[in-house]
Amino acid sequence: GSHGKLSQKPQGTPGGATLGRRKTGPACPGQVSALRAPRSNRRQLAITVLSILGMLLSLLAMQRSLGSRQCLVGSDFRALYTGALMLRMGVRSDFYKLATQYEWQRSFAPELREQGHLMVFVNPPFVALLTLPLSFLPFAAAYWVWAGANVLLMLALARVLLFSLADVSESKRLRALFLALTFLPVWVTVYQGQYSFILAISLLMAWGALARRQEAQAGLWLAALLIRPQLLPVPALLFIWWRRWRALAGLALGAAALLAVSLLAVGSRGLQGYVQLLQATLSWGDAFTMHPQRMYTWRSSLHLLMRTDNVQDIMGWWALGSLAAIALFLWACSKGTGPSAVQLDLQWALAALVGLFVSPHANFHDLTLLLVPFFLLMRHGLPGGSAHALALPARVLPAVAYFLAPASLFLAPSLRIQPVTCFLALAIVWLAWCARRLQPAPAS
């Protein structure tokens, strides 16, 4: 009797597959997400491993083609290692003198025959502390250790970027991960040994803190942009425009802490030398491995268009274009206590784009920062909803940047204009228009 009842097929159950189970109905979104998680994690792991292998193989191929030593000495890590070495050996008041840096750089790169070949350490003194432990290693070994650390930072950035896309589909997250890990400026950041990953992470963490209403924490995260001080004014201006005084207080606290560390590292005369060095960089022209016509800013486009390396020749147009971009940015942003969630994403994306556009210096690896605005846009890339105005730019802009950045290496010299800068200008105008559309209408 009881066996006969068990063999019967319950109504509404295909093939008796749910015998002995209680009917629970369709799975909730959390259950579906949990079921898909292992497959998604495997795909993410596959994309990550293949991207890192591709990066390493291309680096090894480049070293085989150009020579291992030439690649090492030609990397930006040479300047970072110089700063760390001088700091460890107790250089203070002369830390930012070109002759001093040249002598220390020649101590591990004797092939540098003249001071014009110096790769200048132009970062604040506290930056040298980040690579200080590497100065105990030979130059080549230190480069590979820092490259490994940069790969870890790249993976940390990818994780933060994916966290920002927590609410989008699995397929979009996988495409975004592929875009981030195979974006050529990301690879160049590892090749050159630069700090672009830290800058991008700080921008994203500041955005996340603002979204959680943790304003002081957002300011602290943003202080990390002092690694490249020229990138800080535009986001800081946005805090003022929003009247986020706690964020400004956090930023001031973080900046004060880094200033104190720098003062302990090189002393007051060393800090004075740093300020003087920053002023001098504008007038260097094509010297000390700085190439105004090969950068990716509004200023560099003017240098390239007018075929000049003299900043005085382009100063008026540079100031006019920068002021116009900042004015457009502020016009597009919500004034007052702060924007809505969608507006926050869009206006923070605009801050990153405008910061790059008006910066006096931005090299190819600095284009890694483009991942920040484009991932924030991808959060709103579906038609419909409150952010439908962002659907088209969220799809178009990341794809164009992905292919245009490497193409600009070949197009800019022949076109006499920097395609990436033109792209930045168009993206700023487009997103500013979208931001105005998303602002609530004034009360009647």
Protein backbone atom coordinates (compact mmCIF):
# COMPACT_ATOMS: atom_id res chain seq x y z
CA GLY A 1 0.00 0.00 0.00
CA SER A 2 2.56 2.60 1.05
CA HIS A 3 4.92 1.59 -1.81
CA GLY A 4 2.07 1.97 -4.25
CA LYS A 5 1.43 5.52 -3.09
CA LEU A 6 5.09 6.47 -3.44
CA SER A 7 5.22 5.21 -7.01
CA GLN A 8 2.41 7.49 -8.09
CA LYS A 9 3.36 10.66 -10.03
CA PRO A 10 2.25 13.81 -8.18
CA GLN A 11 0.14 16.14 -10.21
CA GLY A 12 1.98 19.04 -11.76
CA THR A 13 5.38 17.39 -11.33
CA PRO A 14 7.17 16.43 -14.56
CA GLY A 15 8.27 12.82 -14.57
CA GLY A 16 8.02 12.47 -10.80
CA ALA A 17 11.29 14.38 -10.48
CA THR A 18 10.25 16.07 -7.24
CA LEU A 19 9.16 12.94 -5.34
CA GLY A 20 9.75 13.41 -1.66
CA ARG A 21 10.27 17.21 -2.05
CA ARG A 22 7.99 19.98 -1.04
CA LYS A 23 6.93 22.18 -3.92
CA THR A 24 8.66 25.54 -3.39
CA GLY A 25 7.76 27.45 -6.55
CA PRO A 26 10.17 29.39 -8.72
CA ALA A 27 13.56 30.25 -7.33
CA CYS A 28 14.01 33.73 -5.96
CA PRO A 29 16.63 36.01 -7.53
CA GLY A 30 19.08 35.26 -4.74
CA GLN A 31 18.77 31.50 -5.41
CA VAL A 32 19.28 32.00 -9.15
CA SER A 33 22.32 34.18 -8.45
CA ALA A 34 23.75 31.52 -6.13
CA LEU A 35 23.26 28.83 -8.78
CA ARG A 36 24.97 30.94 -11.44
CA ALA A 37 27.82 32.08 -9.21
CA PRO A 38 30.16 29.08 -9.72
CA ARG A 39 29.85 29.28 -13.52
CA SER A 40 30.35 33.05 -13.46
CA ASN A 41 33.37 32.71 -11.19
CA ARG A 42 34.95 30.16 -13.52
CA ARG A 43 34.46 32.45 -16.50
CA GLN A 44 35.87 35.41 -14.62
CA LEU A 45 38.88 33.31 -13.60
CA ALA A 46 39.42 32.21 -17.20
CA ILE A 47 39.32 35.79 -18.48
CA THR A 48 41.70 36.89 -15.73
CA VAL A 49 44.24 34.11 -16.32
CA LEU A 50 44.21 34.55 -20.11
CA SER A 51 44.60 38.31 -19.79
CA ILE A 52 47.59 38.01 -17.44
CA LEU A 53 49.20 35.40 -19.71
CA GLY A 54 48.69 37.67 -22.71
CA MET A 55 50.23 40.58 -20.84
CA LEU A 56 53.28 38.58 -19.76
CA LEU A 57 53.82 37.11 -23.22
CA SER A 58 53.65 40.54 -24.84
CA LEU A 59 56.09 41.93 -22.26
CA LEU A 60 58.52 39.08 -22.88
CA ALA A 61 58.17 39.55 -26.65
CA MET A 62 58.89 43.26 -26.29
CA GLN A 63 61.97 42.56 -24.19
CA ARG A 64 63.19 40.02 -26.72
CA SER A 65 62.71 42.51 -29.55
CA LEU A 66 64.21 45.60 -27.88
CA GLY A 67 66.48 43.94 -25.38
CA SER A 68 65.79 43.26 -21.73
CA ARG A 69 68.10 45.97 -20.42
CA GLN A 70 66.74 48.62 -22.78
CA CYS A 71 63.18 47.87 -21.71
CA LEU A 72 64.10 48.13 -18.05
CA VAL A 73 66.02 51.38 -18.38
CA GLY A 74 63.36 52.83 -20.68
CA SER A 75 60.52 52.17 -18.22
CA ASP A 76 59.08 54.81 -15.87
CA PHE A 77 60.11 52.57 -13.01
CA ARG A 78 63.60 54.02 -13.41
CA ALA A 79 62.36 57.32 -11.92
CA LEU A 80 60.47 55.56 -9.10
CA TYR A 81 63.52 53.47 -8.20
CA THR A 82 65.65 56.63 -8.19
CA GLY A 83 63.32 58.30 -5.68
CA ALA A 84 63.27 55.23 -3.43
CA LEU A 85 67.06 54.86 -3.57
CA MET A 86 67.69 58.53 -2.72
CA LEU A 87 65.22 58.36 0.18
CA ARG A 88 66.90 55.27 1.61
CA MET A 89 70.33 56.87 1.33
CA GLY A 90 69.21 59.97 3.22
CA VAL A 91 69.01 62.59 0.44
CA ARG A 92 66.80 65.43 1.69
CA SER A 93 67.31 69.08 0.72
CA ASP A 94 68.68 68.19 -2.75
CA PHE A 95 66.05 65.52 -3.41
CA TYR A 96 64.49 67.35 -6.39
CA LYS A 97 67.65 68.82 -7.92
CA LEU A 98 68.16 67.44 -11.40
CA ALA A 99 71.92 67.03 -10.98
CA THR A 100 71.40 65.01 -7.79
CA GLN A 101 68.80 62.73 -9.37
CA TYR A 102 71.02 62.23 -12.41
CA GLU A 103 73.98 61.07 -10.31
CA TRP A 104 71.86 58.61 -8.35
CA GLN A 105 70.17 57.34 -11.51
CA ARG A 106 73.52 56.74 -13.14
CA SER A 107 74.56 54.62 -10.15
CA PHE A 108 72.32 51.82 -11.42
CA ALA A 109 71.97 52.90 -15.09
CA PRO A 110 75.51 53.88 -16.18
CA GLU A 111 74.48 53.89 -19.86
CA LEU A 112 72.90 57.35 -19.33
CA ARG A 113 75.51 59.58 -20.97
CA GLU A 114 74.06 63.04 -20.31
CA GLN A 115 71.67 64.76 -17.94
CA GLY A 116 69.10 65.20 -20.72
CA HIS A 117 68.49 61.43 -20.54
CA LEU A 118 67.42 61.68 -16.92
CA MET A 119 63.95 60.36 -16.11
CA VAL A 120 62.94 62.77 -13.37
CA PHE A 121 61.17 61.70 -10.19
CA VAL A 122 58.35 64.27 -10.18
CA ASN A 123 56.02 62.71 -7.60
CA PRO A 124 55.59 64.02 -4.04
CA PRO A 125 58.09 62.71 -1.47
CA PHE A 126 55.60 60.34 0.19
CA VAL A 127 55.37 58.39 -3.08
CA ALA A 128 59.01 57.34 -2.71
CA LEU A 129 58.03 55.57 0.51
CA LEU A 130 55.80 53.16 -1.44
CA THR A 131 58.77 51.72 -3.32
CA LEU A 132 61.36 52.23 -0.56
CA PRO A 133 61.67 48.48 0.25
CA LEU A 134 62.47 47.80 -3.41
CA SER A 135 65.59 49.96 -3.20
CA PHE A 136 67.29 47.16 -1.25
CA LEU A 137 67.07 44.99 -4.39
CA PRO A 138 69.03 45.35 -7.63
CA PHE A 139 67.24 47.45 -10.25
CA ALA A 140 66.17 44.53 -12.46
CA ALA A 141 64.89 42.44 -9.54
CA ALA A 142 63.06 45.44 -8.10
CA TYR A 143 61.35 46.01 -11.46
CA TRP A 144 59.93 42.47 -11.58
CA VAL A 145 58.82 42.55 -7.95
CA TRP A 146 57.00 45.84 -8.59
CA ALA A 147 55.49 44.41 -11.78
CA GLY A 148 54.08 41.54 -9.71
CA ALA A 149 52.70 44.00 -7.16
CA ASN A 150 51.12 45.99 -9.99
CA VAL A 151 49.41 42.86 -11.30
CA LEU A 152 47.89 42.37 -7.85
CA LEU A 153 46.76 46.01 -7.87
CA MET A 154 45.26 45.44 -11.32
CA LEU A 155 43.26 42.50 -9.96
CA ALA A 156 42.15 44.60 -7.00
CA LEU A 157 40.97 47.29 -9.41
CA ALA A 158 39.10 44.70 -11.46
CA ARG A 159 37.37 43.47 -8.31
CA VAL A 160 36.31 46.99 -7.32
CA LEU A 161 35.09 47.64 -10.87
CA LEU A 162 33.02 44.46 -10.87
CA PHE A 163 31.59 45.39 -7.48
CA SER A 164 30.34 48.62 -9.04
CA LEU A 165 28.44 46.46 -11.56
CA ALA A 166 26.84 44.21 -8.94
CA ASP A 167 23.32 44.89 -10.24
CA VAL A 168 23.89 44.24 -13.95
CA SER A 169 23.68 40.98 -15.88
CA GLU A 170 26.37 38.31 -15.79
CA SER A 171 27.17 38.71 -19.50
CA LYS A 172 27.73 42.45 -19.10
CA ARG A 173 29.99 41.87 -16.11
CA LEU A 174 32.09 39.41 -18.10
CA ARG A 175 32.38 41.84 -21.03
CA ALA A 176 33.35 44.60 -18.63
CA LEU A 177 36.01 42.41 -17.00
CA PHE A 178 37.45 41.57 -20.41
CA LEU A 179 37.49 45.28 -21.34
CA ALA A 180 39.27 46.21 -18.12
CA LEU A 181 41.94 43.49 -18.20
CA THR A 182 42.78 43.82 -21.91
CA PHE A 183 42.64 47.63 -22.17
CA LEU A 184 46.08 48.54 -23.54
CA PRO A 185 46.76 51.39 -21.04
CA VAL A 186 46.25 48.83 -18.27
CA TRP A 187 49.00 46.65 -19.70
CA VAL A 188 51.27 49.67 -20.22
CA THR A 189 50.80 50.59 -16.56
CA VAL A 190 52.33 47.23 -15.63
CA TYR A 191 55.09 47.56 -18.25
CA GLN A 192 56.05 51.05 -17.05
CA GLY A 193 55.70 50.34 -13.34
CA GLN A 194 53.31 53.24 -12.79
CA TYR A 195 50.73 54.07 -10.09
CA SER A 196 47.63 54.35 -12.29
CA PHE A 197 45.86 51.44 -10.58
CA ILE A 198 46.10 53.14 -7.18
CA LEU A 199 44.64 56.34 -8.66
CA ALA A 200 41.73 54.49 -10.27
CA ILE A 201 41.00 52.55 -7.07
CA SER A 202 40.99 55.76 -5.04
CA LEU A 203 38.49 57.37 -7.42
CA LEU A 204 36.20 54.34 -7.24
CA MET A 205 36.45 54.00 -3.47
CA ALA A 206 35.66 57.71 -3.06
CA TRP A 207 32.61 57.25 -5.28
CA GLY A 208 31.49 54.24 -3.24
CA ALA A 209 31.87 56.16 0.01
CA LEU A 210 29.81 59.04 -1.39
CA ALA A 211 27.10 56.60 -2.46
CA ARG A 212 26.98 55.28 1.14
CA ARG A 213 26.87 58.85 2.53
CA GLN A 214 30.29 58.38 4.15
CA GLU A 215 31.58 61.75 3.06
CA ALA A 216 34.67 62.03 5.27
CA GLN A 217 35.83 58.61 4.08
CA ALA A 218 35.34 59.74 0.47
CA GLY A 219 37.63 62.70 1.07
CA LEU A 220 40.27 60.46 2.63
CA TRP A 221 40.21 58.13 -0.37
CA LEU A 222 40.45 61.06 -2.77
CA ALA A 223 43.62 62.30 -1.04
CA ALA A 224 45.46 59.42 -2.74
CA LEU A 225 45.20 61.43 -5.98
CA LEU A 226 48.02 63.57 -4.58
CA ILE A 227 50.26 60.93 -6.13
CA ARG A 228 49.37 62.93 -9.26
CA PRO A 229 48.34 66.33 -7.82
CA GLN A 230 47.13 67.64 -11.20
CA LEU A 231 44.24 65.15 -11.11
CA LEU A 232 42.85 66.35 -7.76
CA PRO A 233 41.39 69.87 -8.40
CA VAL A 234 38.34 68.85 -10.45
CA PRO A 235 36.94 66.23 -8.00
CA ALA A 236 37.74 68.58 -5.11
CA LEU A 237 35.87 71.37 -6.92
CA LEU A 238 32.87 69.04 -7.18
CA PHE A 239 32.85 68.65 -3.38
CA ILE A 240 32.64 72.42 -3.07
CA TRP A 241 29.90 72.62 -5.72
CA TRP A 242 27.90 69.97 -3.88
CA ARG A 243 28.63 71.64 -0.51
CA ARG A 244 29.98 68.37 0.85
CA TRP A 245 31.96 69.94 3.69
CA ARG A 246 32.66 66.66 5.47
CA ALA A 247 34.18 65.29 2.27
CA LEU A 248 36.36 68.38 2.02
CA ALA A 249 37.38 67.94 5.66
CA GLY A 250 38.35 64.33 4.98
CA LEU A 251 40.34 65.41 1.93
CA ALA A 252 42.10 68.11 3.96
CA LEU A 253 42.91 65.58 6.70
CA GLY A 254 44.33 63.08 4.21
CA ALA A 255 46.35 65.78 2.45
CA ALA A 256 47.72 67.03 5.79
CA ALA A 257 48.83 63.51 6.74
CA LEU A 258 50.63 63.01 3.41
CA LEU A 259 52.22 66.45 3.73
CA ALA A 260 53.50 65.55 7.19
CA VAL A 261 54.98 62.30 5.88
CA SER A 262 56.63 64.19 3.01
CA LEU A 263 58.03 66.77 5.40
CA LEU A 264 59.57 64.04 7.54
CA ALA A 265 61.01 62.39 4.44
CA VAL A 266 62.80 65.33 2.77
CA GLY A 267 62.39 68.32 5.09
CA SER A 268 61.10 71.79 4.29
CA ARG A 269 63.83 72.55 1.75
CA GLY A 270 63.08 69.33 -0.04
CA LEU A 271 59.40 70.29 -0.26
CA GLN A 272 60.36 73.70 -1.62
CA GLY A 273 62.43 71.93 -4.25
CA TYR A 274 59.39 69.86 -5.20
CA VAL A 275 57.24 72.96 -5.77
CA GLN A 276 60.00 74.55 -7.84
CA LEU A 277 60.34 71.38 -9.88
CA LEU A 278 56.62 71.32 -10.68
CA GLN A 279 56.82 74.91 -11.89
CA ALA A 280 59.84 74.08 -14.04
CA THR A 281 58.20 71.09 -15.75
CA LEU A 282 55.85 73.39 -17.66
CA SER A 283 58.76 75.08 -19.42
CA TRP A 284 60.91 72.02 -20.12
CA GLY A 285 59.45 71.31 -23.53
CA ASP A 286 60.58 68.02 -25.08
CA ALA A 287 63.21 67.16 -22.47
CA PHE A 288 63.87 64.80 -19.57
CA THR A 289 61.66 62.11 -21.18
CA MET A 290 58.67 64.49 -21.12
CA HIS A 291 57.06 64.90 -24.53
CA PRO A 292 54.27 67.51 -24.61
CA GLN A 293 53.09 66.50 -28.08
CA ARG A 294 52.72 62.83 -27.12
CA MET A 295 50.42 63.22 -24.14
CA TYR A 296 46.63 62.87 -23.93
CA THR A 297 45.28 66.18 -22.67
CA TRP A 298 43.89 69.40 -24.09
CA ARG A 299 47.29 70.98 -23.64
CA SER A 300 49.05 68.22 -25.57
CA SER A 301 46.58 68.54 -28.45
CA LEU A 302 47.47 72.22 -28.76
CA HIS A 303 51.18 71.41 -28.74
CA LEU A 304 50.64 68.83 -31.46
CA LEU A 305 48.37 71.04 -33.56
CA MET A 306 50.70 74.05 -33.44
CA ARG A 307 53.86 71.93 -33.76
CA THR A 308 55.51 73.52 -30.75
CA ASP A 309 56.84 72.37 -27.38
CA ASN A 310 56.86 75.88 -25.91
CA VAL A 311 54.05 76.25 -23.39
CA GLN A 312 53.92 80.02 -23.92
CA ASP A 313 52.74 79.46 -27.51
CA ILE A 314 49.61 77.63 -26.36
CA MET A 315 48.97 79.10 -22.90
CA GLY A 316 45.98 81.25 -23.91
CA TRP A 317 44.14 78.47 -25.74
CA TRP A 318 44.98 75.99 -23.00
CA ALA A 319 43.47 78.24 -20.32
CA LEU A 320 40.41 79.03 -22.45
CA GLY A 321 39.65 75.38 -23.25
CA SER A 322 40.21 74.28 -19.65
CA LEU A 323 37.90 76.97 -18.27
CA ALA A 324 35.24 76.08 -20.83
CA ALA A 325 35.40 72.37 -19.87
CA ILE A 326 35.16 73.15 -16.15
CA ALA A 327 32.28 75.61 -16.72
CA LEU A 328 30.40 72.99 -18.74
CA PHE A 329 31.08 70.43 -16.02
CA LEU A 330 29.70 72.64 -13.24
CA TRP A 331 26.70 73.63 -15.40
CA ALA A 332 25.87 69.93 -15.78
CA CYS A 333 26.23 69.05 -12.08
CA SER A 334 23.59 69.37 -9.39
CA LYS A 335 24.37 72.32 -7.17
CA GLY A 336 23.66 72.02 -3.47
CA THR A 337 23.73 69.19 -0.96
CA GLY A 338 24.24 66.45 -3.53
CA PRO A 339 22.77 64.53 -6.46
CA SER A 340 20.62 61.43 -6.67
CA ALA A 341 22.23 58.02 -7.10
CA VAL A 342 22.07 58.13 -10.91
CA GLN A 343 23.31 61.71 -10.98
CA LEU A 344 26.17 60.81 -8.63
CA ASP A 345 27.39 58.13 -11.05
CA LEU A 346 27.19 60.46 -14.03
CA GLN A 347 28.72 63.50 -12.35
CA TRP A 348 31.58 61.49 -10.84
CA ALA A 349 32.24 60.05 -14.31
CA LEU A 350 32.32 63.60 -15.67
CA ALA A 351 34.76 64.66 -12.95
CA ALA A 352 37.20 61.92 -14.00
CA LEU A 353 36.94 62.85 -17.69
CA VAL A 354 37.32 66.60 -17.12
CA GLY A 355 40.22 66.00 -14.74
CA LEU A 356 42.12 64.16 -17.47
CA PHE A 357 41.17 66.71 -20.14
CA VAL A 358 42.47 69.79 -18.29
CA SER A 359 45.51 68.12 -16.70
CA PRO A 360 48.90 69.54 -17.74
CA HIS A 361 50.35 66.03 -17.97
CA ALA A 362 48.69 62.70 -18.80
CA ASN A 363 50.56 59.85 -20.44
CA PHE A 364 49.23 56.73 -22.10
CA HIS A 365 49.13 54.72 -18.87
CA ASP A 366 47.00 57.47 -17.29
CA LEU A 367 44.19 56.49 -19.69
CA THR A 368 43.62 53.58 -17.29
CA LEU A 369 41.53 56.11 -15.36
CA LEU A 370 38.98 55.99 -18.19
CA LEU A 371 37.81 52.69 -16.73
CA VAL A 372 36.27 54.60 -13.82
CA PRO A 373 33.79 56.75 -15.77
CA PHE A 374 32.94 54.01 -18.23
CA PHE A 375 32.17 51.41 -15.58
CA LEU A 376 29.96 53.94 -13.81
CA LEU A 377 28.13 54.47 -17.10
CA MET A 378 27.74 50.71 -17.62
CA ARG A 379 25.63 50.62 -14.48
CA HIS A 380 22.91 52.41 -16.47
CA GLY A 381 23.36 50.90 -19.92
CA LEU A 382 19.85 49.44 -20.36
CA PRO A 383 17.04 51.26 -22.16
CA GLY A 384 14.16 52.40 -19.99
CA GLY A 385 14.15 53.43 -16.37
CA SER A 386 15.17 56.70 -14.83
CA ALA A 387 18.56 56.68 -16.56
CA HIS A 388 17.38 55.88 -20.11
CA ALA A 389 19.33 58.90 -21.40
CA LEU A 390 22.57 57.06 -20.51
CA ALA A 391 21.77 53.88 -22.46
CA LEU A 392 23.45 54.95 -25.70
CA PRO A 393 26.60 56.63 -24.27
CA ALA A 394 27.04 53.71 -21.86
CA ARG A 395 27.31 51.38 -24.85
CA VAL A 396 29.18 53.61 -27.30
CA LEU A 397 31.79 55.45 -25.23
CA PRO A 398 33.57 52.46 -23.58
CA ALA A 399 33.75 50.60 -26.92
CA VAL A 400 35.16 53.61 -28.77
CA ALA A 401 37.75 54.31 -26.05
CA TYR A 402 38.84 50.66 -26.01
CA PHE A 403 39.87 50.76 -29.68
CA LEU A 404 40.76 54.44 -30.01
CA ALA A 405 43.39 54.49 -27.26
CA PRO A 406 45.78 52.03 -28.99
CA ALA A 407 44.97 53.45 -32.43
CA SER A 408 45.95 56.94 -31.28
CA LEU A 409 49.56 55.78 -30.93
CA PHE A 410 49.70 55.62 -34.72
CA LEU A 411 47.08 58.19 -35.75
CA ALA A 412 48.19 61.22 -33.71
CA PRO A 413 51.54 61.89 -35.45
CA SER A 414 50.02 61.78 -38.93
CA LEU A 415 46.77 63.62 -38.15
CA ARG A 416 48.47 66.47 -36.23
CA ILE A 417 45.76 66.11 -33.61
CA GLN A 418 45.30 63.78 -30.65
CA PRO A 419 42.21 61.58 -31.28
CA VAL A 420 41.86 60.70 -27.60
CA THR A 421 41.60 64.37 -26.62
CA CYS A 422 38.90 64.91 -29.25
CA PHE A 423 37.10 61.87 -27.86
CA LEU A 424 37.35 63.25 -24.31
CA ALA A 425 35.87 66.58 -25.43
CA LEU A 426 32.95 64.89 -27.20
CA ALA A 427 32.33 62.57 -24.24
CA ILE A 428 32.28 65.52 -21.83
CA VAL A 429 29.76 67.42 -23.98
CA TRP A 430 27.54 64.35 -24.45
CA LEU A 431 27.52 63.40 -20.78
CA ALA A 432 27.00 66.99 -19.67
CA TRP A 433 23.89 67.09 -21.85
CA CYS A 434 22.71 63.80 -20.32
CA ALA A 435 23.35 65.16 -16.83
CA ARG A 436 21.18 68.19 -17.51
CA ARG A 437 18.37 65.97 -18.77
CA LEU A 438 18.52 63.92 -15.56
CA GLN A 439 18.28 66.92 -13.26
CA PRO A 440 14.83 67.40 -11.72
CA ALA A 441 12.75 70.24 -13.07
CA PRO A 442 12.61 73.30 -10.80
CA ALA A 443 9.52 73.62 -8.67
CA SER A 444 6.90 75.95 -10.11
